[in-house]
C-alpha atoms as a PDB file:
ATOM      1  CA  UNK A   1      64.717  11.564 -27.421  1.00  0.00           C
ATOM      2  CA  UNK A   2      63.224   9.098 -24.918  1.00  0.00           C
ATOM      3  CA  UNK A   3      60.330  11.503 -24.301  1.00  0.00           C
ATOM      4  CA  UNK A   4      59.504  11.443 -28.011  1.00  0.00           C
ATOM      5  CA  UNK A   5      59.488   7.642 -27.993  1.00  0.00           C
ATOM      6  CA  UNK A   6      57.102   7.678 -25.030  1.00  0.00           C
ATOM      7  CA  UNK A   7      54.810  10.108 -26.871  1.00  0.00           C
ATOM      8  CA  UNK A   8      54.839   7.847 -29.937  1.00  0.00           C
ATOM      9  CA  UNK A   9      53.744   4.958 -27.717  1.00  0.00           C
ATOM     10  CA  UNK A  10      51.025   7.079 -26.096  1.00  0.00           C
ATOM     11  CA  UNK A  11      49.824   8.259 -29.506  1.00  0.00           C
ATOM     12  CA  UNK A  12      49.762   4.686 -30.862  1.00  0.00           C
ATOM     13  CA  UNK A  13      47.737   3.516 -27.860  1.00  0.00           C
ATOM     14  CA  UNK A  14      45.345   6.457 -28.233  1.00  0.00           C
ATOM     15  CA  UNK A  15      44.721   5.726 -31.882  1.00  0.00           C
ATOM     16  CA  UNK A  16      44.798   1.928 -31.685  1.00  0.00           C
ATOM     17  CA  UNK A  17      42.382   1.538 -28.774  1.00  0.00           C
ATOM     18  CA  UNK A  18      40.011   4.271 -29.946  1.00  0.00           C
ATOM     19  CA  UNK A  19      39.967   2.992 -33.508  1.00  0.00           C
ATOM     20  CA  UNK A  20      39.311  -0.559 -32.337  1.00  0.00           C
ATOM     21  CA  UNK A  21      36.380   0.592 -30.216  1.00  0.00           C
ATOM     22  CA  UNK A  22      35.081   2.824 -33.018  1.00  0.00           C
ATOM     23  CA  UNK A  23      35.180   0.077 -35.632  1.00  0.00           C
ATOM     24  CA  UNK A  24      33.664  -2.361 -33.172  1.00  0.00           C
ATOM     25  CA  UNK A  25      30.727  -0.074 -32.483  1.00  0.00           C
ATOM     26  CA  UNK A  26      30.093   0.557 -36.149  1.00  0.00           C
ATOM     27  CA  UNK A  27      30.430  -3.113 -37.017  1.00  0.00           C
ATOM     28  CA  UNK A  28      27.418  -3.831 -34.824  1.00  0.00           C
ATOM     29  CA  UNK A  29      25.397  -1.959 -37.392  1.00  0.00           C
ATOM     30  CA  UNK A  30      26.201  -4.614 -39.997  1.00  0.00           C
ATOM     31  CA  UNK A  31      23.707  -7.451 -40.431  1.00  0.00           C
ATOM     32  CA  UNK A  32      24.658 -10.835 -39.018  1.00  0.00           C
ATOM     33  CA  UNK A  33      22.445 -12.750 -41.428  1.00  0.00           C
ATOM     34  CA  UNK A  34      21.668 -12.230 -45.069  1.00  0.00           C
ATOM     35  CA  UNK A  35      17.924 -12.087 -44.368  1.00  0.00           C
ATOM     36  CA  UNK A  36      18.536  -9.042 -42.163  1.00  0.00           C
ATOM     37  CA  UNK A  37      20.621  -7.314 -44.848  1.00  0.00           C
ATOM     38  CA  UNK A  38      18.002  -4.728 -45.728  1.00  0.00           C
ATOM     39  CA  UNK A  39      17.849  -3.707 -42.071  1.00  0.00           C
ATOM     40  CA  UNK A  40      21.406  -2.411 -42.182  1.00  0.00           C
ATOM     41  CA  UNK A  41      21.463   1.198 -41.062  1.00  0.00           C
ATOM     42  CA  UNK A  42      23.974   3.996 -41.262  1.00  0.00           C
ATOM     43  CA  UNK A  43      25.152   5.515 -37.973  1.00  0.00           C
ATOM     44  CA  UNK A  44      22.492   7.747 -36.448  1.00  0.00           C
ATOM     45  CA  UNK A  45      23.111  11.471 -36.025  1.00  0.00           C
ATOM     46  CA  UNK A  46      23.327  10.886 -32.265  1.00  0.00           C
ATOM     47  CA  UNK A  47      26.023   8.216 -32.694  1.00  0.00           C
ATOM     48  CA  UNK A  48      27.908  10.379 -35.198  1.00  0.00           C
ATOM     49  CA  UNK A  49      27.749  13.367 -32.825  1.00  0.00           C
ATOM     50  CA  UNK A  50      29.034  11.314 -29.894  1.00  0.00           C
ATOM     51  CA  UNK A  51      31.977   9.984 -31.901  1.00  0.00           C
ATOM     52  CA  UNK A  52      32.759  13.420 -33.328  1.00  0.00           C
ATOM     53  CA  UNK A  53      32.951  14.767 -29.769  1.00  0.00           C
ATOM     54  CA  UNK A  54      35.050  11.751 -28.702  1.00  0.00           C
ATOM     55  CA  UNK A  55      37.634  12.237 -31.493  1.00  0.00           C
ATOM     56  CA  UNK A  56      37.889  15.992 -30.886  1.00  0.00           C
ATOM     57  CA  UNK A  57      38.221  15.374 -27.140  1.00  0.00           C
ATOM     58  CA  UNK A  58      40.957  12.789 -27.700  1.00  0.00           C
ATOM     59  CA  UNK A  59      42.843  15.281 -29.871  1.00  0.00           C
ATOM     60  CA  UNK A  60      42.429  17.855 -27.109  1.00  0.00           C
ATOM     61  CA  UNK A  61      43.734  15.463 -24.448  1.00  0.00           C
ATOM     62  CA  UNK A  62      46.716  14.570 -26.617  1.00  0.00           C
ATOM     63  CA  UNK A  63      47.362  18.280 -27.212  1.00  0.00           C
ATOM     64  CA  UNK A  64      47.509  18.675 -23.412  1.00  0.00           C
ATOM     65  CA  UNK A  65      50.057  15.852 -23.196  1.00  0.00           C
ATOM     66  CA  UNK A  66      52.156  17.576 -25.866  1.00  0.00           C
ATOM     67  CA  UNK A  67      51.996  20.858 -23.892  1.00  0.00           C
ATOM     68  CA  UNK A  68      53.157  19.180 -20.670  1.00  0.00           C
ATOM     69  CA  UNK A  69      55.961  17.231 -22.334  1.00  0.00           C
ATOM     70  CA  UNK A  70      57.068  19.496 -25.192  1.00  0.00           C
ATOM     71  CA  UNK A  71      55.931  23.019 -24.324  1.00  0.00           C
ATOM     72  CA  UNK A  72      53.684  25.746 -25.722  1.00  0.00           C
ATOM     73  CA  UNK A  73      55.377  26.036 -29.143  1.00  0.00           C
ATOM     74  CA  UNK A  74      54.751  22.380 -30.028  1.00  0.00           C
ATOM     75  CA  UNK A  75      51.206  22.671 -28.672  1.00  0.00           C
ATOM     76  CA  UNK A  76      50.520  25.598 -31.004  1.00  0.00           C
ATOM     77  CA  UNK A  77      52.008  23.703 -33.939  1.00  0.00           C
ATOM     78  CA  UNK A  78      49.837  20.664 -33.203  1.00  0.00           C
ATOM     79  CA  UNK A  79      46.616  22.678 -32.864  1.00  0.00           C
ATOM     80  CA  UNK A  80      47.373  24.664 -36.028  1.00  0.00           C
ATOM     81  CA  UNK A  81      48.141  21.503 -38.005  1.00  0.00           C
ATOM     82  CA  UNK A  82      45.001  19.841 -36.672  1.00  0.00           C
ATOM     83  CA  UNK A  83      42.801  22.829 -37.545  1.00  0.00           C
ATOM     84  CA  UNK A  84      44.336  23.068 -41.018  1.00  0.00           C
ATOM     85  CA  UNK A  85      43.867  19.388 -41.837  1.00  0.00           C
ATOM     86  CA  UNK A  86      40.360  19.309 -40.361  1.00  0.00           C
ATOM     87  CA  UNK A  87      39.179  22.328 -42.344  1.00  0.00           C
ATOM     88  CA  UNK A  88      40.687  21.095 -45.613  1.00  0.00           C
ATOM     89  CA  UNK A  89      39.222  17.641 -45.016  1.00  0.00           C
ATOM     90  CA  UNK A  90      35.685  19.022 -44.839  1.00  0.00           C
ATOM     91  CA  UNK A  91      35.993  19.864 -48.527  1.00  0.00           C
ATOM     92  CA  UNK A  92      36.849  16.193 -49.033  1.00  0.00           C
ATOM     93  CA  UNK A  93      33.388  15.285 -47.727  1.00  0.00           C
ATOM     94  CA  UNK A  94      31.694  16.993 -50.647  1.00  0.00           C
ATOM     95  CA  UNK A  95      33.655  14.663 -52.925  1.00  0.00           C
ATOM     96  CA  UNK A  96      32.531  11.671 -50.848  1.00  0.00           C
ATOM     97  CA  UNK A  97      28.930  12.738 -51.426  1.00  0.00           C
ATOM     98  CA  UNK A  98      29.552  13.037 -55.173  1.00  0.00           C
ATOM     99  CA  UNK A  99      31.150   9.579 -55.284  1.00  0.00           C
ATOM    100  CA  UNK A 100      28.307   7.888 -53.414  1.00  0.00           C
ATOM    101  CA  UNK A 101      25.725   9.762 -55.469  1.00  0.00           C
ATOM    102  CA  UNK A 102      27.394   8.893 -58.775  1.00  0.00           C
ATOM    103  CA  UNK A 103      27.501   5.194 -57.830  1.00  0.00           C
ATOM    104  CA  UNK A 104      24.000   5.215 -56.284  1.00  0.00           C
ATOM    105  CA  UNK A 105      25.313   3.746 -53.032  1.00  0.00           C
ATOM    106  CA  UNK A 106      22.640   3.841 -50.287  1.00  0.00           C
ATOM    107  CA  UNK A 107      23.366   5.806 -47.130  1.00  0.00           C
ATOM    108  CA  UNK A 108      23.246   2.597 -45.065  1.00  0.00           C
ATOM    109  CA  UNK A 109      26.206   1.068 -46.966  1.00  0.00           C
ATOM    110  CA  UNK A 110      28.454   4.132 -46.933  1.00  0.00           C
ATOM    111  CA  UNK A 111      29.929   3.647 -43.448  1.00  0.00           C
ATOM    112  CA  UNK A 112      31.743   0.455 -44.444  1.00  0.00           C
ATOM    113  CA  UNK A 113      33.446   2.162 -47.375  1.00  0.00           C
ATOM    114  CA  UNK A 114      34.481   5.118 -45.218  1.00  0.00           C
ATOM    115  CA  UNK A 115      35.822   2.793 -42.481  1.00  0.00           C
ATOM    116  CA  UNK A 116      38.228   1.187 -44.933  1.00  0.00           C
ATOM    117  CA  UNK A 117      38.938   4.547 -46.540  1.00  0.00           C
ATOM    118  CA  UNK A 118      40.091   6.084 -43.253  1.00  0.00           C
ATOM    119  CA  UNK A 119      42.492   3.185 -42.599  1.00  0.00           C
ATOM    120  CA  UNK A 120      43.863   3.475 -46.136  1.00  0.00           C
ATOM    121  CA  UNK A 121      44.305   7.240 -45.774  1.00  0.00           C
ATOM    122  CA  UNK A 122      46.354   6.799 -42.596  1.00  0.00           C
ATOM    123  CA  UNK A 123      48.607   4.159 -44.190  1.00  0.00           C
ATOM    124  CA  UNK A 124      49.136   6.384 -47.230  1.00  0.00           C
ATOM    125  CA  UNK A 125      49.777   9.708 -45.513  1.00  0.00           C
ATOM    126  CA  UNK A 126      52.501   8.657 -43.081  1.00  0.00           C
ATOM    127  CA  UNK A 127      55.089   7.901 -45.816  1.00  0.00           C
ATOM    128  CA  UNK A 128      54.019  11.021 -47.744  1.00  0.00           C
ATOM    129  CA  UNK A 129      54.639  13.155 -44.660  1.00  0.00           C
ATOM    130  CA  UNK A 130      58.048  11.581 -44.042  1.00  0.00           C
ATOM    131  CA  UNK A 131      59.011  12.224 -47.671  1.00  0.00           C
ATOM    132  CA  UNK A 132      57.846  15.840 -47.428  1.00  0.00           C
ATOM    133  CA  UNK A 133      59.786  16.440 -44.202  1.00  0.00           C
ATOM    134  CA  UNK A 134      62.934  14.885 -45.700  1.00  0.00           C
ATOM    135  CA  UNK A 135      62.701  17.040 -48.832  1.00  0.00           C
ATOM    136  CA  UNK A 136      62.333  20.258 -46.826  1.00  0.00           C
ATOM    137  CA  UNK A 137      65.208  19.366 -44.502  1.00  0.00           C
ATOM    138  CA  UNK A 138      67.604  18.421 -47.320  1.00  0.00           C
ATOM    139  CA  UNK A 139      66.524  20.933 -49.967  1.00  0.00           C
ATOM    140  CA  UNK A 140      65.430  24.253 -48.499  1.00  0.00           C
ATOM    141  CA  UNK A 141      64.328  25.526 -51.921  1.00  0.00           C
ATOM    142  CA  UNK A 142      61.522  22.934 -51.870  1.00  0.00           C
ATOM    143  CA  UNK A 143      59.652  25.322 -49.601  1.00  0.00           C
ATOM    144  CA  UNK A 144      59.097  27.582 -52.629  1.00  0.00           C
ATOM    145  CA  UNK A 145      57.809  24.602 -54.645  1.00  0.00           C
ATOM    146  CA  UNK A 146      55.359  23.658 -51.900  1.00  0.00           C
ATOM    147  CA  UNK A 147      54.272  27.256 -51.426  1.00  0.00           C
ATOM    148  CA  UNK A 148      53.765  27.773 -55.144  1.00  0.00           C
ATOM    149  CA  UNK A 149      51.789  24.529 -55.352  1.00  0.00           C
ATOM    150  CA  UNK A 150      49.426  25.692 -52.596  1.00  0.00           C
ATOM    151  CA  UNK A 151      48.861  29.015 -54.356  1.00  0.00           C
ATOM    152  CA  UNK A 152      48.266  27.168 -57.642  1.00  0.00           C
ATOM    153  CA  UNK A 153      45.733  24.914 -55.879  1.00  0.00           C
ATOM    154  CA  UNK A 154      43.938  27.944 -54.435  1.00  0.00           C
ATOM    155  CA  UNK A 155      43.738  29.606 -57.865  1.00  0.00           C
ATOM    156  CA  UNK A 156      42.510  26.352 -59.426  1.00  0.00           C
ATOM    157  CA  UNK A 157      39.747  26.132 -56.789  1.00  0.00           C
ATOM    158  CA  UNK A 158      38.862  29.770 -57.450  1.00  0.00           C
ATOM    159  CA  UNK A 159      38.284  29.318 -61.187  1.00  0.00           C
ATOM    160  CA  UNK A 160      36.847  25.814 -60.908  1.00  0.00           C
ATOM    161  CA  UNK A 161      33.173  25.520 -61.691  1.00  0.00           C
ATOM    162  CA  UNK A 162      30.717  23.748 -59.420  1.00  0.00           C
ATOM    163  CA  UNK A 163      31.527  20.044 -59.289  1.00  0.00           C
ATOM    164  CA  UNK A 164      29.157  17.728 -61.127  1.00  0.00           C
ATOM    165  CA  UNK A 165      28.623  14.015 -60.849  1.00  0.00           C
ATOM    166  CA  UNK A 166      31.826  12.020 -61.172  1.00  0.00           C
ATOM    167  CA  UNK A 167      32.155  10.240 -64.507  1.00  0.00           C
ATOM    168  CA  UNK A 168      32.931   6.754 -63.233  1.00  0.00           C
ATOM    169  CA  UNK A 169      33.972   5.229 -66.566  1.00  0.00           C
ATOM    170  CA  UNK A 170      36.549   7.985 -67.157  1.00  0.00           C
ATOM    171  CA  UNK A 171      38.067   7.855 -63.669  1.00  0.00           C
ATOM    172  CA  UNK A 172      41.742   6.834 -63.778  1.00  0.00           C
ATOM    173  CA  UNK A 173      41.481   4.654 -60.680  1.00  0.00           C
ATOM    174  CA  UNK A 174      38.556   2.702 -62.138  1.00  0.00           C
ATOM    175  CA  UNK A 175      40.285   2.195 -65.477  1.00  0.00           C
ATOM    176  CA  UNK A 176      43.191   0.641 -63.583  1.00  0.00           C
ATOM    177  CA  UNK A 177      40.842  -1.524 -61.489  1.00  0.00           C
ATOM    178  CA  UNK A 178      39.117  -2.833 -64.644  1.00  0.00           C
ATOM    179  CA  UNK A 179      42.430  -4.207 -65.879  1.00  0.00           C
ATOM    180  CA  UNK A 180      42.493  -6.582 -62.906  1.00  0.00           C
ATOM    181  CA  UNK A 181      38.838  -7.674 -62.722  1.00  0.00           C
ATOM    182  CA  UNK A 182      35.360  -6.951 -64.098  1.00  0.00           C
ATOM    183  CA  UNK A 183      32.975  -4.686 -62.178  1.00  0.00           C
ATOM    184  CA  UNK A 184      29.412  -5.494 -61.137  1.00  0.00           C
ATOM    185  CA  UNK A 185      27.457  -2.244 -60.756  1.00  0.00           C
ATOM    186  CA  UNK A 186      24.365  -3.952 -59.279  1.00  0.00           C
ATOM    187  CA  UNK A 187      24.835  -3.390 -55.542  1.00  0.00           C
ATOM    188  CA  UNK A 188      22.886  -5.943 -53.494  1.00  0.00           C
ATOM    189  CA  UNK A 189      24.733  -6.171 -50.187  1.00  0.00           C
ATOM    190  CA  UNK A 190      27.788  -4.931 -48.272  1.00  0.00           C
ATOM    191  CA  UNK A 191      30.334  -7.135 -50.038  1.00  0.00           C
ATOM    192  CA  UNK A 192      33.324  -5.629 -51.784  1.00  0.00           C
ATOM    193  CA  UNK A 193      33.581  -8.614 -54.119  1.00  0.00           C
ATOM    194  CA  UNK A 194      31.041 -11.103 -55.498  1.00  0.00           C
ATOM    195  CA  UNK A 195      31.498 -14.318 -57.458  1.00  0.00           C
ATOM    196  CA  UNK A 196      29.274 -15.074 -60.455  1.00  0.00           C
ATOM    197  CA  UNK A 197      29.730 -18.230 -62.497  1.00  0.00           C
ATOM    198  CA  UNK A 198      33.202 -18.758 -61.011  1.00  0.00           C
ATOM    199  CA  UNK A 199      34.202 -15.195 -62.031  1.00  0.00           C
ATOM    200  CA  UNK A 200      35.179 -12.729 -59.287  1.00  0.00           C
ATOM    201  CA  UNK A 201      33.646  -9.247 -59.711  1.00  0.00           C
ATOM    202  CA  UNK A 202      34.361  -5.988 -57.907  1.00  0.00           C
ATOM    203  CA  UNK A 203      31.193  -4.341 -56.552  1.00  0.00           C
ATOM    204  CA  UNK A 204      30.400  -0.634 -56.481  1.00  0.00           C
ATOM    205  CA  UNK A 205      31.597  -0.539 -52.868  1.00  0.00           C
ATOM    206  CA  UNK A 206      35.158  -1.389 -53.866  1.00  0.00           C
ATOM    207  CA  UNK A 207      34.806   1.031 -56.793  1.00  0.00           C
ATOM    208  CA  UNK A 208      33.844   3.783 -54.338  1.00  0.00           C
ATOM    209  CA  UNK A 209      36.731   2.821 -52.036  1.00  0.00           C
ATOM    210  CA  UNK A 210      39.264   2.950 -54.873  1.00  0.00           C
ATOM    211  CA  UNK A 211      38.040   6.392 -55.998  1.00  0.00           C
ATOM    212  CA  UNK A 212      38.013   7.688 -52.410  1.00  0.00           C
ATOM    213  CA  UNK A 213      41.605   6.521 -51.803  1.00  0.00           C
ATOM    214  CA  UNK A 214      42.748   8.045 -55.098  1.00  0.00           C
ATOM    215  CA  UNK A 215      40.939  11.293 -54.261  1.00  0.00           C
ATOM    216  CA  UNK A 216      42.464  11.366 -50.772  1.00  0.00           C
ATOM    217  CA  UNK A 217      45.908  11.017 -52.320  1.00  0.00           C
ATOM    218  CA  UNK A 218      45.233  14.168 -54.358  1.00  0.00           C
ATOM    219  CA  UNK A 219      43.921  15.999 -51.291  1.00  0.00           C
ATOM    220  CA  UNK A 220      46.962  14.896 -49.286  1.00  0.00           C
ATOM    221  CA  UNK A 221      49.202  16.602 -51.829  1.00  0.00           C
ATOM    222  CA  UNK A 222      47.452  19.856 -50.853  1.00  0.00           C
ATOM    223  CA  UNK A 223      47.041  19.426 -47.102  1.00  0.00           C
ATOM    224  CA  UNK A 224      50.432  17.943 -46.195  1.00  0.00           C
ATOM    225  CA  UNK A 225      52.484  20.848 -47.659  1.00  0.00           C
ATOM    226  CA  UNK A 226      50.130  23.212 -45.821  1.00  0.00           C
ATOM    227  CA  UNK A 227      50.919  21.577 -42.463  1.00  0.00           C
ATOM    228  CA  UNK A 228      54.624  21.440 -43.342  1.00  0.00           C
ATOM    229  CA  UNK A 229      54.476  25.226 -43.620  1.00  0.00           C
ATOM    230  CA  UNK A 230      53.693  25.251 -39.899  1.00  0.00           C
ATOM    231  CA  UNK A 231      56.284  22.710 -38.744  1.00  0.00           C
ATOM    232  CA  UNK A 232      58.635  20.082 -40.149  1.00  0.00           C
ATOM    233  CA  UNK A 233      58.601  18.054 -36.945  1.00  0.00           C
ATOM    234  CA  UNK A 234      57.471  14.581 -38.186  1.00  0.00           C
ATOM    235  CA  UNK A 235      55.841  13.792 -34.842  1.00  0.00           C
ATOM    236  CA  UNK A 236      53.658  16.910 -34.855  1.00  0.00           C
ATOM    237  CA  UNK A 237      52.772  16.658 -38.552  1.00  0.00           C
ATOM    238  CA  UNK A 238      51.844  12.964 -38.390  1.00  0.00           C
ATOM    239  CA  UNK A 239      49.895  13.104 -35.118  1.00  0.00           C
ATOM    240  CA  UNK A 240      47.911  16.245 -36.012  1.00  0.00           C
ATOM    241  CA  UNK A 241      47.181  14.838 -39.475  1.00  0.00           C
ATOM    242  CA  UNK A 242      45.991  11.449 -38.247  1.00  0.00           C
ATOM    243  CA  UNK A 243      43.887  12.841 -35.395  1.00  0.00           C
ATOM    244  CA  UNK A 244      42.127  15.107 -37.900  1.00  0.00           C
ATOM    245  CA  UNK A 245      41.508  12.197 -40.303  1.00  0.00           C
ATOM    246  CA  UNK A 246      40.249   9.754 -37.653  1.00  0.00           C
ATOM    247  CA  UNK A 247      37.120  11.774 -36.946  1.00  0.00           C
ATOM    248  CA  UNK A 248      36.184  12.270 -40.582  1.00  0.00           C
ATOM    249  CA  UNK A 249      33.770   9.361 -40.865  1.00  0.00           C
ATOM    250  CA  UNK A 250      31.632  10.372 -37.876  1.00  0.00           C
ATOM    251  CA  UNK A 251      31.817  14.019 -38.973  1.00  0.00           C
ATOM    252  CA  UNK A 252      30.644  12.992 -42.458  1.00  0.00           C
ATOM    253  CA  UNK A 253      27.503  11.297 -41.113  1.00  0.00           C
ATOM    254  CA  UNK A 254      26.902  14.237 -38.783  1.00  0.00           C
ATOM    255  CA  UNK A 255      27.121  16.853 -41.555  1.00  0.00           C
ATOM    256  CA  UNK A 256      25.972  14.831 -44.597  1.00  0.00           C
ATOM    257  CA  UNK A 257      22.523  16.392 -44.585  1.00  0.00           C
ATOM    258  CA  UNK A 258      23.654  19.990 -44.156  1.00  0.00           C
ATOM    259  CA  UNK A 259      26.880  20.199 -46.200  1.00  0.00           C
ATOM    260  CA  UNK A 260      25.178  22.287 -48.864  1.00  0.00           C
ATOM    261  CA  UNK A 261      24.628  24.973 -46.202  1.00  0.00           C
ATOM    262  CA  UNK A 262      28.373  25.620 -45.893  1.00  0.00           C
ATOM    263  CA  UNK A 263      27.979  28.321 -48.544  1.00  0.00           C
ATOM    264  CA  UNK A 264      31.309  30.053 -47.934  1.00  0.00           C
ATOM    265  CA  UNK A 265      33.504  27.048 -47.139  1.00  0.00           C
ATOM    266  CA  UNK A 266      35.235  27.036 -50.508  1.00  0.00           C
ATOM    267  CA  UNK A 267      36.214  30.762 -50.410  1.00  0.00           C
ATOM    268  CA  UNK A 268      37.468  30.186 -46.864  1.00  0.00           C
ATOM    269  CA  UNK A 269      39.647  27.248 -47.891  1.00  0.00           C
ATOM    270  CA  UNK A 270      40.991  29.272 -50.832  1.00  0.00           C
ATOM    271  CA  UNK A 271      41.950  32.073 -48.441  1.00  0.00           C
ATOM    272  CA  UNK A 272      43.682  29.615 -46.082  1.00  0.00           C
ATOM    273  CA  UNK A 273      45.662  27.971 -48.896  1.00  0.00           C
ATOM    274  CA  UNK A 274      46.701  31.377 -50.266  1.00  0.00           C
ATOM    275  CA  UNK A 275      47.843  32.502 -46.816  1.00  0.00           C
ATOM    276  CA  UNK A 276      49.865  29.331 -46.153  1.00  0.00           C
ATOM    277  CA  UNK A 277      51.347  29.365 -49.658  1.00  0.00           C
ATOM    278  CA  UNK A 278      52.463  32.995 -49.330  1.00  0.00           C
ATOM    279  CA  UNK A 279      53.800  32.264 -45.824  1.00  0.00           C
ATOM    280  CA  UNK A 280      56.077  29.559 -47.273  1.00  0.00           C
ATOM    281  CA  UNK A 281      57.327  31.679 -50.168  1.00  0.00           C
ATOM    282  CA  UNK A 282      58.183  34.744 -48.033  1.00  0.00           C
ATOM    283  CA  UNK A 283      59.500  32.718 -45.079  1.00  0.00           C
ATOM    284  CA  UNK A 284      63.110  33.794 -45.717  1.00  0.00           C
ATOM    285  CA  UNK A 285      62.110  37.459 -45.737  1.00  0.00           C
ATOM    286  CA  UNK A 286      59.213  37.666 -43.279  1.00  0.00           C
ATOM    287  CA  UNK A 287      58.797  35.150 -40.488  1.00  0.00           C
ATOM    288  CA  UNK A 288      55.144  34.586 -39.646  1.00  0.00           C
ATOM    289  CA  UNK A 289      54.878  32.874 -36.277  1.00  0.00           C
ATOM    290  CA  UNK A 290      52.835  29.738 -35.686  1.00  0.00           C
ATOM    291  CA  UNK A 291      50.630  31.659 -33.258  1.00  0.00           C
ATOM    292  CA  UNK A 292      49.728  34.180 -35.959  1.00  0.00           C
ATOM    293  CA  UNK A 293      49.126  31.350 -38.436  1.00  0.00           C
ATOM    294  CA  UNK A 294      46.778  29.658 -35.970  1.00  0.00           C
ATOM    295  CA  UNK A 295      44.929  32.924 -35.427  1.00  0.00           C
ATOM    296  CA  UNK A 296      44.523  33.478 -39.180  1.00  0.00           C
ATOM    297  CA  UNK A 297      43.287  29.920 -39.824  1.00  0.00           C
ATOM    298  CA  UNK A 298      40.805  29.956 -36.944  1.00  0.00           C
ATOM    299  CA  UNK A 299      39.731  33.501 -37.821  1.00  0.00           C
ATOM    300  CA  UNK A 300      38.962  32.575 -41.437  1.00  0.00           C
ATOM    301  CA  UNK A 301      37.071  29.439 -40.363  1.00  0.00           C
ATOM    302  CA  UNK A 302      35.089  31.426 -37.802  1.00  0.00           C
ATOM    303  CA  UNK A 303      34.088  34.055 -40.371  1.00  0.00           C
ATOM    304  CA  UNK A 304      33.155  31.377 -42.929  1.00  0.00           C
ATOM    305  CA  UNK A 305      30.960  29.472 -40.464  1.00  0.00           C
ATOM    306  CA  UNK A 306      29.307  32.648 -39.159  1.00  0.00           C
ATOM    307  CA  UNK A 307      28.502  33.930 -42.655  1.00  0.00           C
ATOM    308  CA  UNK A 308      27.182  30.509 -43.710  1.00  0.00           C
ATOM    309  CA  UNK A 309      24.993  30.336 -40.599  1.00  0.00           C
ATOM    310  CA  UNK A 310      23.541  33.803 -41.244  1.00  0.00           C
ATOM    311  CA  UNK A 311      22.790  32.955 -44.884  1.00  0.00           C
ATOM    312  CA  UNK A 312      21.215  29.625 -43.912  1.00  0.00           C
ATOM    313  CA  UNK A 313      18.982  31.406 -41.389  1.00  0.00           C
ATOM    314  CA  UNK A 314      17.839  33.892 -44.029  1.00  0.00           C
ATOM    315  CA  UNK A 315      16.930  31.043 -46.407  1.00  0.00           C
ATOM    316  CA  UNK A 316      14.833  29.301 -43.744  1.00  0.00           C
ATOM    317  CA  UNK A 317      12.966  32.473 -42.700  1.00  0.00           C
END
């Protein structure tokens, strides 16, 4: 038990220090004076690439610590959970693009919204994971509910048409926000709130943040049961989930310009969700090991990326 406490401390230090450095670096991109506001820039591809490598490397180092302290089984569970959450989160990035496009938020302002969004996602997912683990431990039949939900999600993605621009006025999160304060859709700087004639308005940045948090909640309801199909160890589920989320912002800015070239990502995610859902439902009859699950997930992702790369090459020739 003491070893687990030590790992929690190590994990907290990993995340806390890295996140502080990350946010500090990105905050330098914000203007210090209002006259320099228009000079605000989004993270460069080089910066995004460096931080993407840093977050993946940190996850790899932590995976090594888990192997030394907890053994190969826990290592496999962590890597599988990380790969699952990372792959499912990429689909989340397409929604981010739709949100920013629908609200006409410039690229240079997007990093601030995503910074707050990542922190909100972490705060929201930890209790959701603990609830999910508790339900599975107390009510074994919940595994069939989770499995069925994943299969339902996969089928819904299969029949869903191509996503269009988000209708801001009809969004549930925005309708709730409007009950608390009016919204100013004229974005002029990086403020979340502005005051006009003594009235406090929410800007499009806070609108984007609210929609992103609400969207992440919906995505969490898909991804968390998927990871719980691999393990119900709260430590492994939480750490793999958070490590995967922490690198999303840098990965977004790295891939923002080429996301449309992931032609087969959606079919790949559908296949992964179907596999995990079926794994949960048949778990009492057929036990599919974590190693096999990891192989299937990585295999599907590898095929998806290879096919997308080949198609992209053909289109550029």
